[in-house]
Amino acid sequence: MMQQNIDQLLGHLFDKTTSLLQLIEQAESEPEEWASLLDEREKVIENVQSILATGYMFSPAQKQQLEQMQQMNLQIMPMMEQRKMHVQKKLEEIRQKKAATQFYNSGGATAYGAFFDRKN
């Protein structure tokens, strides 16, 4: 019974991990989409951990499946970090453009709609 339950949980965890990897690989995917998969995956991990707390030992096949998931995790984490840095860079660019727009629209040389540059 417990063997079947852990096999189902690991299968579900494997599916969630694979889906997460595929989603993150899509350039147009958003972190909000990742969050729901990460939450679902975390719940499955908690269930597996509760079974392990009873003294359950993984079978060789289960260990192999966990190793495959670990390899996917090693791909997922750097990709998530890279996408996060890309989003942060875009946000910083937007902030800089907004600050420049506010500076030039708040008064100063262009407050009256004209700017005269003369050479002395």
N, C-alpha and C. Protein backbone atom coordinates (compact mmCIF):
# COMPACT_ATOMS: atom_id res chain seq x y z
N MET A 1 0.84 -1.21 0.00
CA MET A 1 0.00 0.00 0.00
C MET A 1 0.87 1.25 0.00
N MET A 2 1.84 1.31 0.94
CA MET A 2 2.68 2.49 1.02
C MET A 2 3.55 2.60 -0.24
N GLN A 3 4.00 1.44 -0.77
CA GLN A 3 4.81 1.43 -1.99
C GLN A 3 4.04 2.07 -3.15
N GLN A 4 2.77 1.69 -3.28
CA GLN A 4 1.95 2.23 -4.36
C GLN A 4 1.72 3.73 -4.16
N ASN A 5 1.49 4.13 -2.91
CA ASN A 5 1.26 5.53 -2.60
C ASN A 5 2.49 6.38 -2.93
N ILE A 6 3.66 5.91 -2.53
CA ILE A 6 4.89 6.67 -2.79
C ILE A 6 5.18 6.69 -4.29
N ASP A 7 4.88 5.58 -4.99
CA ASP A 7 5.06 5.57 -6.45
C ASP A 7 4.16 6.61 -7.11
N GLN A 8 2.94 6.73 -6.65
CA GLN A 8 2.01 7.73 -7.19
C GLN A 8 2.51 9.15 -6.90
N LEU A 9 2.96 9.36 -5.67
CA LEU A 9 3.46 10.69 -5.31
C LEU A 9 4.69 11.06 -6.14
N LEU A 10 5.61 10.11 -6.28
CA LEU A 10 6.81 10.39 -7.07
C LEU A 10 6.47 10.61 -8.54
N GLY A 11 5.50 9.87 -9.04
CA GLY A 11 5.05 10.07 -10.42
C GLY A 11 4.45 11.46 -10.60
N HIS A 12 3.66 11.86 -9.63
CA HIS A 12 3.05 13.19 -9.66
C HIS A 12 4.14 14.27 -9.57
N LEU A 13 5.10 14.06 -8.69
CA LEU A 13 6.21 15.00 -8.53
C LEU A 13 7.03 15.09 -9.81
N PHE A 14 7.26 13.95 -10.45
CA PHE A 14 8.00 13.92 -11.70
C PHE A 14 7.25 14.71 -12.78
N ASP A 15 5.94 14.52 -12.87
CA ASP A 15 5.13 15.26 -13.85
C ASP A 15 5.19 16.76 -13.60
N LYS A 16 5.07 17.16 -12.34
CA LYS A 16 5.12 18.59 -12.00
C LYS A 16 6.49 19.18 -12.32
N THR A 17 7.54 18.44 -12.04
CA THR A 17 8.90 18.91 -12.31
C THR A 17 9.13 19.05 -13.80
N THR A 18 8.67 18.08 -14.57
CA THR A 18 8.79 18.13 -16.03
C THR A 18 8.01 19.31 -16.60
N SER A 19 6.79 19.51 -16.10
CA SER A 19 5.97 20.63 -16.56
C SER A 19 6.62 21.96 -16.24
N LEU A 20 7.22 22.07 -15.05
CA LEU A 20 7.89 23.30 -14.65
C LEU A 20 9.08 23.59 -15.57
N LEU A 21 9.86 22.57 -15.87
CA LEU A 21 11.01 22.74 -16.76
C LEU A 21 10.54 23.22 -18.13
N GLN A 22 9.51 22.59 -18.66
CA GLN A 22 8.98 22.97 -19.98
C GLN A 22 8.44 24.40 -19.96
N LEU A 23 7.78 24.77 -18.90
CA LEU A 23 7.21 26.11 -18.79
C LEU A 23 8.30 27.17 -18.72
N ILE A 24 9.32 26.92 -17.93
CA ILE A 24 10.40 27.89 -17.77
C ILE A 24 11.19 28.03 -19.07
N GLU A 25 11.27 26.97 -19.85
CA GLU A 25 11.99 27.03 -21.12
C GLU A 25 11.28 27.91 -22.13
N GLN A 26 9.99 28.16 -21.93
CA GLN A 26 9.23 29.02 -22.85
C GLN A 26 9.54 30.48 -22.51
N ALA A 27 10.06 31.19 -23.51
CA ALA A 27 10.47 32.59 -23.28
C ALA A 27 9.32 33.48 -22.85
N GLU A 28 8.10 33.18 -23.30
CA GLU A 28 6.98 34.05 -22.98
C GLU A 28 6.28 33.70 -21.67
N SER A 29 6.73 32.66 -20.98
CA SER A 29 6.10 32.29 -19.72
C SER A 29 6.42 33.33 -18.64
N GLU A 30 5.50 33.46 -17.71
CA GLU A 30 5.62 34.45 -16.66
C GLU A 30 5.86 33.77 -15.31
N PRO A 31 6.59 34.43 -14.42
CA PRO A 31 6.83 33.86 -13.09
C PRO A 31 5.56 33.50 -12.32
N GLU A 32 4.47 34.22 -12.59
CA GLU A 32 3.21 33.89 -11.91
C GLU A 32 2.74 32.49 -12.28
N GLU A 33 3.00 32.11 -13.54
CA GLU A 33 2.63 30.76 -13.98
C GLU A 33 3.48 29.72 -13.26
N TRP A 34 4.74 30.05 -13.06
CA TRP A 34 5.65 29.12 -12.38
C TRP A 34 5.21 28.91 -10.94
N ALA A 35 4.72 29.97 -10.32
CA ALA A 35 4.39 29.93 -8.89
C ALA A 35 3.36 28.86 -8.57
N SER A 36 2.34 28.72 -9.41
CA SER A 36 1.31 27.72 -9.11
C SER A 36 1.90 26.31 -9.21
N LEU A 37 2.75 26.08 -10.21
CA LEU A 37 3.39 24.76 -10.32
C LEU A 37 4.34 24.52 -9.17
N LEU A 38 5.08 25.54 -8.77
CA LEU A 38 5.99 25.40 -7.63
C LEU A 38 5.23 25.07 -6.35
N ASP A 39 4.07 25.72 -6.16
CA ASP A 39 3.24 25.45 -4.98
C ASP A 39 2.72 24.01 -4.98
N GLU A 40 2.23 23.57 -6.14
CA GLU A 40 1.72 22.20 -6.25
C GLU A 40 2.85 21.20 -5.98
N ARG A 41 4.00 21.49 -6.54
CA ARG A 41 5.16 20.60 -6.37
C ARG A 41 5.58 20.54 -4.89
N GLU A 42 5.54 21.68 -4.23
CA GLU A 42 5.91 21.74 -2.82
C GLU A 42 4.97 20.89 -1.97
N LYS A 43 3.69 20.89 -2.29
CA LYS A 43 2.72 20.07 -1.54
C LYS A 43 3.03 18.58 -1.70
N VAL A 44 3.39 18.18 -2.91
CA VAL A 44 3.74 16.78 -3.15
C VAL A 44 5.00 16.41 -2.38
N ILE A 45 5.98 17.31 -2.39
CA ILE A 45 7.23 17.07 -1.65
C ILE A 45 6.94 16.90 -0.17
N GLU A 46 6.05 17.72 0.37
CA GLU A 46 5.69 17.60 1.79
C GLU A 46 5.07 16.23 2.07
N ASN A 47 4.22 15.74 1.17
CA ASN A 47 3.61 14.42 1.34
C ASN A 47 4.67 13.32 1.32
N VAL A 48 5.62 13.43 0.41
CA VAL A 48 6.70 12.44 0.33
C VAL A 48 7.53 12.49 1.61
N GLN A 49 7.82 13.68 2.09
CA GLN A 49 8.61 13.81 3.31
C GLN A 49 7.90 13.21 4.52
N SER A 50 6.58 13.35 4.57
CA SER A 50 5.84 12.77 5.70
C SER A 50 5.92 11.24 5.67
N ILE A 51 5.93 10.67 4.47
CA ILE A 51 6.08 9.21 4.37
C ILE A 51 7.50 8.80 4.77
N LEU A 52 8.48 9.57 4.34
CA LEU A 52 9.87 9.27 4.71
C LEU A 52 10.08 9.35 6.22
N ALA A 53 9.33 10.22 6.88
CA ALA A 53 9.45 10.38 8.33
C ALA A 53 9.03 9.11 9.07
N THR A 54 8.25 8.25 8.40
CA THR A 54 7.83 7.00 9.04
C THR A 54 8.91 5.92 8.92
N GLY A 55 10.02 6.24 8.27
CA GLY A 55 11.11 5.28 8.12
C GLY A 55 11.14 4.59 6.77
N TYR A 56 10.32 5.03 5.84
CA TYR A 56 10.27 4.42 4.52
C TYR A 56 11.60 4.62 3.79
N MET A 57 12.05 3.61 3.07
CA MET A 57 13.27 3.67 2.28
C MET A 57 12.90 3.55 0.80
N PHE A 58 13.49 4.40 -0.03
CA PHE A 58 13.22 4.36 -1.47
C PHE A 58 13.78 3.10 -2.11
N SER A 59 13.05 2.60 -3.10
CA SER A 59 13.54 1.47 -3.90
C SER A 59 14.55 2.00 -4.91
N PRO A 60 15.35 1.11 -5.53
CA PRO A 60 16.30 1.58 -6.55
C PRO A 60 15.62 2.33 -7.70
N ALA A 61 14.45 1.88 -8.13
CA ALA A 61 13.73 2.57 -9.21
C ALA A 61 13.29 3.97 -8.76
N GLN A 62 12.85 4.08 -7.53
CA GLN A 62 12.43 5.37 -7.00
C GLN A 62 13.64 6.31 -6.88
N LYS A 63 14.76 5.75 -6.45
CA LYS A 63 15.98 6.56 -6.36
C LYS A 63 16.40 7.08 -7.74
N GLN A 64 16.23 6.25 -8.75
CA GLN A 64 16.57 6.66 -10.11
C GLN A 64 15.65 7.80 -10.56
N GLN A 65 14.37 7.67 -10.25
CA GLN A 65 13.41 8.71 -10.60
C GLN A 65 13.75 10.02 -9.87
N LEU A 66 14.15 9.92 -8.62
CA LEU A 66 14.55 11.11 -7.86
C LEU A 66 15.80 11.75 -8.46
N GLU A 67 16.72 10.93 -8.94
CA GLU A 67 17.93 11.44 -9.58
C GLU A 67 17.58 12.20 -10.87
N GLN A 68 16.64 11.68 -11.64
CA GLN A 68 16.19 12.37 -12.85
C GLN A 68 15.58 13.73 -12.50
N MET A 69 14.80 13.76 -11.43
CA MET A 69 14.20 15.02 -11.01
C MET A 69 15.27 16.00 -10.53
N GLN A 70 16.29 15.47 -9.86
CA GLN A 70 17.39 16.32 -9.40
C GLN A 70 18.11 16.95 -10.60
N GLN A 71 18.30 16.18 -11.65
CA GLN A 71 18.94 16.70 -12.86
C GLN A 71 18.08 17.82 -13.48
N MET A 72 16.77 17.63 -13.47
CA MET A 72 15.87 18.67 -13.98
C MET A 72 15.96 19.92 -13.10
N ASN A 73 16.02 19.71 -11.78
CA ASN A 73 16.14 20.84 -10.86
C ASN A 73 17.42 21.63 -11.13
N LEU A 74 18.49 20.93 -11.46
CA LEU A 74 19.75 21.59 -11.76
C LEU A 74 19.65 22.44 -13.03
N GLN A 75 18.72 22.12 -13.91
CA GLN A 75 18.46 22.95 -15.09
C GLN A 75 17.51 24.09 -14.75
N ILE A 76 16.50 23.77 -13.94
CA ILE A 76 15.45 24.74 -13.63
C ILE A 76 16.00 25.95 -12.87
N MET A 77 16.79 25.71 -11.84
CA MET A 77 17.24 26.79 -10.97
C MET A 77 18.02 27.87 -11.72
N PRO A 78 19.03 27.53 -12.51
CA PRO A 78 19.75 28.59 -13.23
C PRO A 78 18.86 29.33 -14.23
N MET A 79 17.94 28.60 -14.86
CA MET A 79 17.04 29.24 -15.82
C MET A 79 16.12 30.23 -15.12
N MET A 80 15.62 29.85 -13.95
CA MET A 80 14.76 30.76 -13.19
C MET A 80 15.55 31.99 -12.77
N GLU A 81 16.78 31.78 -12.33
CA GLU A 81 17.62 32.90 -11.90
C GLU A 81 17.93 33.83 -13.07
N GLN A 82 18.20 33.26 -14.23
CA GLN A 82 18.48 34.06 -15.41
C GLN A 82 17.26 34.89 -15.81
N ARG A 83 16.10 34.26 -15.80
CA ARG A 83 14.86 34.98 -16.15
C ARG A 83 14.58 36.07 -15.12
N LYS A 84 14.85 35.78 -13.86
CA LYS A 84 14.64 36.77 -12.79
C LYS A 84 15.54 37.98 -13.01
N MET A 85 16.80 37.73 -13.35
CA MET A 85 17.74 38.84 -13.59
C MET A 85 17.31 39.65 -14.82
N HIS A 86 16.79 38.97 -15.83
CA HIS A 86 16.31 39.66 -17.04
C HIS A 86 15.15 40.58 -16.69
N VAL A 87 14.22 40.09 -15.88
CA VAL A 87 13.07 40.90 -15.47
C VAL A 87 13.53 42.09 -14.63
N GLN A 88 14.48 41.86 -13.73
CA GLN A 88 15.00 42.95 -12.91
C GLN A 88 15.66 44.02 -13.77
N LYS A 89 16.39 43.59 -14.79
CA LYS A 89 17.05 44.54 -15.70
C LYS A 89 16.00 45.37 -16.43
N LYS A 90 14.95 44.72 -16.90
CA LYS A 90 13.88 45.45 -17.60
C LYS A 90 13.19 46.44 -16.66
N LEU A 91 12.95 46.03 -15.42
CA LEU A 91 12.33 46.94 -14.45
C LEU A 91 13.22 48.14 -14.18
N GLU A 92 14.51 47.92 -14.08
CA GLU A 92 15.45 49.02 -13.84
C GLU A 92 15.44 49.98 -15.03
N GLU A 93 15.39 49.44 -16.25
CA GLU A 93 15.32 50.30 -17.44
C GLU A 93 14.04 51.13 -17.43
N ILE A 94 12.94 50.52 -17.04
CA ILE A 94 11.66 51.24 -16.97
C ILE A 94 11.74 52.35 -15.92
N ARG A 95 12.34 52.03 -14.77
CA ARG A 95 12.48 53.04 -13.71
C ARG A 95 13.33 54.22 -14.20
N GLN A 96 14.42 53.92 -14.90
CA GLN A 96 15.29 54.98 -15.40
C GLN A 96 14.57 55.85 -16.42
N LYS A 97 13.81 55.21 -17.32
CA LYS A 97 13.05 55.98 -18.32
C LYS A 97 12.00 56.85 -17.63
N LYS A 98 11.35 56.28 -16.62
CA LYS A 98 10.32 57.03 -15.89
C LYS A 98 10.95 58.21 -15.15
N ALA A 99 12.10 57.99 -14.53
CA ALA A 99 12.79 59.08 -13.82
C ALA A 99 13.22 60.17 -14.79
N ALA A 100 13.72 59.79 -15.94
CA ALA A 100 14.14 60.78 -16.94
C ALA A 100 12.94 61.56 -17.44
N THR A 101 11.85 60.89 -17.70
CA THR A 101 10.63 61.56 -18.17
C THR A 101 10.13 62.53 -17.12
N GLN A 102 10.11 62.10 -15.86
CA GLN A 102 9.65 62.98 -14.79
C GLN A 102 10.57 64.19 -14.65
N PHE A 103 11.86 63.98 -14.78
CA PHE A 103 12.82 65.07 -14.65
C PHE A 103 12.60 66.11 -15.74
N TYR A 104 12.48 65.66 -16.97
CA TYR A 104 12.35 66.60 -18.08
C TYR A 104 10.96 67.21 -18.18
N ASN A 105 9.96 66.55 -17.62
CA ASN A 105 8.59 67.08 -17.66
C ASN A 105 8.24 67.89 -16.42
N SER A 106 9.11 67.93 -15.44
CA SER A 106 8.77 68.59 -14.19
C SER A 106 9.12 70.07 -14.19
N GLY A 107 9.72 70.56 -15.18
CA GLY A 107 10.12 71.96 -15.21
C GLY A 107 11.51 72.05 -15.81
N GLY A 108 12.16 73.08 -15.53
CA GLY A 108 13.51 73.20 -16.05
C GLY A 108 13.51 73.74 -17.46
N ALA A 109 14.46 73.35 -18.24
CA ALA A 109 14.69 73.92 -19.56
C ALA A 109 13.52 73.72 -20.52
N THR A 110 12.79 72.66 -20.39
CA THR A 110 11.71 72.38 -21.34
C THR A 110 10.33 72.67 -20.77
N ALA A 111 10.25 73.39 -19.67
CA ALA A 111 8.97 73.63 -19.01
C ALA A 111 7.99 74.38 -19.90
N TYR A 112 8.48 75.22 -20.78
CA TYR A 112 7.59 76.01 -21.63
C TYR A 112 7.52 75.46 -23.04
N GLY A 113 8.01 74.28 -23.25
CA GLY A 113 7.89 73.63 -24.54
C GLY A 113 8.99 73.99 -25.53
N ALA A 114 9.96 74.74 -25.10
CA ALA A 114 11.04 75.09 -26.02
C ALA A 114 12.37 75.06 -25.28
N PHE A 115 13.37 74.77 -26.02
CA PHE A 115 14.71 74.75 -25.46
C PHE A 115 15.62 75.42 -26.47
N PHE A 116 16.30 76.46 -26.05
CA PHE A 116 17.19 77.18 -26.96
C PHE A 116 18.62 76.92 -26.57
N ASP A 117 19.37 76.47 -27.53
CA ASP A 117 20.78 76.21 -27.29
C ASP A 117 21.56 77.16 -28.21
N ARG A 118 22.26 78.10 -27.60
CA ARG A 118 23.02 79.01 -28.42
C ARG A 118 24.49 78.80 -28.15
N LYS A 119 25.21 79.04 -29.17
CA LYS A 119 26.66 78.98 -29.03
C LYS A 119 27.15 80.37 -28.77
N ASN A 120 28.02 80.49 -27.83
CA ASN A 120 28.56 81.80 -27.48
C ASN A 120 29.73 82.17 -28.36
